[in-house]
């Protein structure tokens, strides 16, 4: 599974990092610093929780 983040859609709510801090890093302004990340085995539920928490739908998961 891969995380893809649309940096243009991210509004800096930081909810992804609140649900999955090991996967979704935030930059100094509170925006998601991740643009693309391969999800480590076993952390798929965290990736899904982070994706689902984004009110802007800026996060896409690809199998």
Protein backbone atom coordinates (compact mmCIF):
# COMPACT_ATOMS: atom_id res chain seq x y z
CA UNK A 1 0.00 0.00 0.00
CA UNK A 2 1.21 3.49 -0.85
CA UNK A 3 0.17 6.88 0.56
CA UNK A 4 -0.18 9.73 -1.92
CA UNK A 5 -0.87 13.27 -0.64
CA UNK A 6 -2.13 16.12 -2.80
CA UNK A 7 -0.14 18.98 -1.27
CA UNK A 8 -2.34 21.52 -3.05
CA UNK A 9 -5.45 20.16 -1.36
CA UNK A 10 -3.94 19.89 2.15
CA UNK A 11 -5.23 22.67 4.40
CA UNK A 12 -3.03 21.87 7.40
CA UNK A 13 -5.65 20.42 9.74
CA UNK A 14 -3.11 17.84 10.94
CA UNK A 15 -5.73 15.20 11.60
CA UNK A 16 -3.79 12.60 9.59
CA UNK A 17 -0.83 12.97 11.95
CA UNK A 18 -3.12 12.84 14.98
CA UNK A 19 -4.44 9.44 13.86
CA UNK A 20 -1.17 8.03 12.48
CA UNK A 21 1.87 10.05 13.61
CA UNK A 22 4.31 7.35 12.49
CA UNK A 23 3.14 7.72 8.88
CA UNK A 24 2.02 11.31 8.41
CA UNK A 25 4.69 13.87 9.27
CA UNK A 26 3.78 17.55 9.40
CA UNK A 27 5.97 20.42 8.24
CA UNK A 28 6.69 23.50 10.37
CA UNK A 29 3.44 25.11 9.21
CA UNK A 30 1.29 22.09 10.12
CA UNK A 31 0.79 20.78 6.60
CA UNK A 32 1.37 17.14 5.69
CA UNK A 33 5.03 16.81 4.72
CA UNK A 34 4.45 13.45 3.02
CA UNK A 35 3.84 13.42 -0.72
CA UNK A 36 4.41 9.71 -1.31
CA UNK A 37 5.19 6.92 1.15
CA UNK A 38 5.23 3.13 1.03
CA UNK A 39 3.30 1.93 4.09
CA UNK A 40 5.29 -0.51 6.22
CA UNK A 41 3.72 -3.93 6.75
CA UNK A 42 1.34 -3.88 9.68
CA UNK A 43 0.65 -0.14 9.53
CA UNK A 44 -2.09 -0.34 6.92
CA UNK A 45 -4.87 0.31 9.48
CA UNK A 46 -3.07 3.51 10.56
CA UNK A 47 -2.75 4.63 6.94
CA UNK A 48 -6.49 4.08 6.44
CA UNK A 49 -7.32 5.99 9.65
CA UNK A 50 -5.18 8.93 8.54
CA UNK A 51 -6.75 8.96 5.10
CA UNK A 52 -10.26 8.85 6.51
CA UNK A 53 -9.58 11.69 8.93
CA UNK A 54 -8.65 14.19 6.21
CA UNK A 55 -11.57 16.60 5.72
CA UNK A 56 -10.10 17.81 2.42
CA UNK A 57 -9.66 14.27 1.02
CA UNK A 58 -6.07 15.18 0.14
CA UNK A 59 -4.85 11.65 0.91
CA UNK A 60 -5.18 8.70 -1.45
CA UNK A 61 -4.18 5.12 -0.66
CA UNK A 62 -3.06 2.89 -3.52
CA UNK A 63 -2.81 -0.90 -3.12
